[in-house]
Amino acid sequence: MDKMILGAIVLIIGIAILVESLFADGIGIGANPAFGSNQLIGSIVGGLLTATGLYLVLKSKSKSE
């Protein structure tokens, strides 16, 4: 699999996890009205996946030019 495609997939999954974690209470899937530990873990994991995916996409773009 091309690194650009892999990076894009990781980026999309990371953004989805990050958004879902940040807005869990607002969309009705949060366990409590406060920002809980599961949301914190999801936000961290989503942010790391987003950063990794962005890195892979940008790295593969710079190699192809």
N, C-alpha and C. Protein backbone atom coordinates (compact mmCIF):
# COMPACT_ATOMS: atom_id res chain seq x y z
N MET A 1 0.85 -1.17 0.00
CA MET A 1 0.00 0.00 0.00
C MET A 1 0.90 1.24 0.00
N ASP A 2 0.52 2.18 -0.79
CA ASP A 2 1.27 3.43 -0.90
C ASP A 2 1.20 4.20 0.43
N LYS A 3 2.32 4.84 0.79
CA LYS A 3 2.36 5.59 2.06
C LYS A 3 1.38 6.75 2.05
N MET A 4 1.11 7.31 0.89
CA MET A 4 0.15 8.42 0.80
C MET A 4 -1.26 7.93 1.16
N ILE A 5 -1.63 6.78 0.64
CA ILE A 5 -2.96 6.23 0.93
C ILE A 5 -3.04 5.82 2.40
N LEU A 6 -2.01 5.15 2.89
CA LEU A 6 -1.98 4.75 4.30
C LEU A 6 -2.07 5.98 5.21
N GLY A 7 -1.33 7.02 4.88
CA GLY A 7 -1.37 8.25 5.66
C GLY A 7 -2.74 8.89 5.66
N ALA A 8 -3.40 8.88 4.50
CA ALA A 8 -4.73 9.46 4.40
C ALA A 8 -5.74 8.68 5.23
N ILE A 9 -5.62 7.34 5.22
CA ILE A 9 -6.52 6.51 6.02
C ILE A 9 -6.31 6.76 7.51
N VAL A 10 -5.05 6.80 7.94
CA VAL A 10 -4.74 7.06 9.35
C VAL A 10 -5.22 8.46 9.75
N LEU A 11 -5.05 9.42 8.87
CA LEU A 11 -5.48 10.79 9.13
C LEU A 11 -7.00 10.86 9.31
N ILE A 12 -7.75 10.22 8.44
CA ILE A 12 -9.21 10.24 8.53
C ILE A 12 -9.70 9.55 9.80
N ILE A 13 -9.10 8.40 10.12
CA ILE A 13 -9.49 7.68 11.34
C ILE A 13 -9.16 8.53 12.57
N GLY A 14 -7.99 9.15 12.57
CA GLY A 14 -7.60 10.01 13.70
C GLY A 14 -8.54 11.17 13.89
N ILE A 15 -8.92 11.83 12.81
CA ILE A 15 -9.84 12.95 12.91
C ILE A 15 -11.20 12.48 13.42
N ALA A 16 -11.66 11.33 12.93
CA ALA A 16 -12.96 10.81 13.38
C ALA A 16 -12.94 10.50 14.88
N ILE A 17 -11.89 9.86 15.36
CA ILE A 17 -11.78 9.54 16.79
C ILE A 17 -11.68 10.82 17.61
N LEU A 18 -10.91 11.77 17.14
CA LEU A 18 -10.73 13.03 17.86
C LEU A 18 -12.06 13.79 17.97
N VAL A 19 -12.77 13.93 16.86
CA VAL A 19 -14.04 14.66 16.87
C VAL A 19 -15.07 13.94 17.73
N GLU A 20 -15.13 12.61 17.60
CA GLU A 20 -16.08 11.84 18.40
C GLU A 20 -15.78 11.98 19.89
N SER A 21 -14.52 11.98 20.25
CA SER A 21 -14.14 12.11 21.66
C SER A 21 -14.44 13.50 22.20
N LEU A 22 -14.15 14.50 21.43
CA LEU A 22 -14.36 15.87 21.90
C LEU A 22 -15.84 16.23 22.02
N PHE A 23 -16.67 15.69 21.14
CA PHE A 23 -18.09 16.05 21.13
C PHE A 23 -18.99 14.91 21.60
N ALA A 24 -18.45 13.95 22.35
CA ALA A 24 -19.23 12.80 22.80
C ALA A 24 -20.45 13.22 23.63
N ASP A 25 -20.27 14.15 24.54
CA ASP A 25 -21.39 14.59 25.37
C ASP A 25 -22.43 15.33 24.54
N GLY A 26 -21.97 16.12 23.60
CA GLY A 26 -22.89 16.90 22.77
C GLY A 26 -23.74 16.06 21.84
N ILE A 27 -23.19 14.93 21.38
CA ILE A 27 -23.95 14.08 20.46
C ILE A 27 -24.65 12.92 21.18
N GLY A 28 -24.52 12.90 22.51
CA GLY A 28 -25.29 11.96 23.30
C GLY A 28 -24.65 10.60 23.54
N ILE A 29 -23.36 10.44 23.31
CA ILE A 29 -22.72 9.15 23.56
C ILE A 29 -21.77 9.20 24.75
N GLY A 30 -21.71 10.33 25.41
CA GLY A 30 -20.86 10.47 26.59
C GLY A 30 -21.49 9.82 27.81
N ALA A 31 -20.64 9.30 28.70
CA ALA A 31 -21.15 8.61 29.89
C ALA A 31 -21.63 9.60 30.96
N ASN A 32 -21.02 10.76 31.02
CA ASN A 32 -21.43 11.77 31.99
C ASN A 32 -21.26 13.14 31.37
N PRO A 33 -21.87 14.15 31.98
CA PRO A 33 -21.80 15.49 31.37
C PRO A 33 -20.42 16.14 31.43
N ALA A 34 -19.54 15.64 32.27
CA ALA A 34 -18.18 16.20 32.34
C ALA A 34 -17.28 15.50 31.32
N PHE A 35 -16.12 16.08 31.10
CA PHE A 35 -15.13 15.50 30.19
C PHE A 35 -14.45 14.35 30.92
N GLY A 36 -14.81 13.11 30.56
CA GLY A 36 -14.34 11.95 31.30
C GLY A 36 -13.00 11.41 30.83
N SER A 37 -12.54 10.39 31.53
CA SER A 37 -11.24 9.80 31.21
C SER A 37 -11.24 9.12 29.85
N ASN A 38 -12.36 8.50 29.48
CA ASN A 38 -12.43 7.87 28.16
C ASN A 38 -12.34 8.92 27.04
N GLN A 39 -12.95 10.06 27.26
CA GLN A 39 -12.86 11.14 26.28
C GLN A 39 -11.43 11.66 26.19
N LEU A 40 -10.76 11.75 27.32
CA LEU A 40 -9.38 12.22 27.33
C LEU A 40 -8.48 11.25 26.56
N ILE A 41 -8.62 9.97 26.83
CA ILE A 41 -7.83 8.96 26.13
C ILE A 41 -8.13 8.98 24.64
N GLY A 42 -9.41 9.06 24.29
CA GLY A 42 -9.80 9.13 22.87
C GLY A 42 -9.24 10.36 22.18
N SER A 43 -9.23 11.48 22.88
CA SER A 43 -8.69 12.72 22.30
C SER A 43 -7.19 12.60 22.05
N ILE A 44 -6.48 12.00 23.00
CA ILE A 44 -5.03 11.83 22.85
C ILE A 44 -4.72 10.88 21.69
N VAL A 45 -5.41 9.74 21.68
CA VAL A 45 -5.19 8.76 20.59
C VAL A 45 -5.57 9.36 19.24
N GLY A 46 -6.70 10.05 19.18
CA GLY A 46 -7.11 10.69 17.93
C GLY A 46 -6.13 11.74 17.47
N GLY A 47 -5.60 12.52 18.40
CA GLY A 47 -4.61 13.53 18.05
C GLY A 47 -3.31 12.91 17.55
N LEU A 48 -2.88 11.83 18.19
CA LEU A 48 -1.66 11.15 17.74
C LEU A 48 -1.84 10.53 16.35
N LEU A 49 -2.99 9.90 16.13
CA LEU A 49 -3.26 9.32 14.80
C LEU A 49 -3.35 10.40 13.73
N THR A 50 -3.97 11.52 14.07
CA THR A 50 -4.07 12.63 13.12
C THR A 50 -2.69 13.17 12.77
N ALA A 51 -1.86 13.36 13.77
CA ALA A 51 -0.51 13.86 13.53
C ALA A 51 0.32 12.87 12.71
N THR A 52 0.19 11.58 13.02
CA THR A 52 0.93 10.56 12.28
C THR A 52 0.47 10.50 10.83
N GLY A 53 -0.83 10.52 10.61
CA GLY A 53 -1.35 10.51 9.25
C GLY A 53 -0.94 11.72 8.45
N LEU A 54 -0.98 12.88 9.08
CA LEU A 54 -0.55 14.10 8.41
C LEU A 54 0.93 14.04 8.04
N TYR A 55 1.73 13.52 8.96
CA TYR A 55 3.16 13.36 8.70
C TYR A 55 3.41 12.43 7.50
N LEU A 56 2.70 11.30 7.46
CA LEU A 56 2.88 10.36 6.36
C LEU A 56 2.46 10.96 5.02
N VAL A 57 1.35 11.69 5.02
CA VAL A 57 0.89 12.31 3.78
C VAL A 57 1.87 13.36 3.30
N LEU A 58 2.32 14.22 4.19
CA LEU A 58 3.25 15.28 3.79
C LEU A 58 4.62 14.72 3.39
N LYS A 59 5.06 13.69 4.08
CA LYS A 59 6.34 13.06 3.75
C LYS A 59 6.29 12.41 2.36
N SER A 60 5.19 11.74 2.06
CA SER A 60 5.08 11.08 0.77
C SER A 60 4.91 12.11 -0.36
N LYS A 61 4.27 13.25 -0.07
CA LYS A 61 4.16 14.30 -1.08
C LYS A 61 5.53 14.91 -1.40
N SER A 62 6.35 15.12 -0.38
CA SER A 62 7.65 15.74 -0.61
C SER A 62 8.60 14.80 -1.36
N LYS A 63 8.46 13.49 -1.17
CA LYS A 63 9.28 12.52 -1.89
C LYS A 63 8.88 12.43 -3.35
N SER A 64 7.59 12.61 -3.65
CA SER A 64 7.12 12.47 -5.03
C SER A 64 7.43 13.68 -5.88
N GLU A 65 7.75 14.80 -5.27
CA GLU A 65 8.04 16.02 -6.04
C GLU A 65 9.46 16.07 -6.52
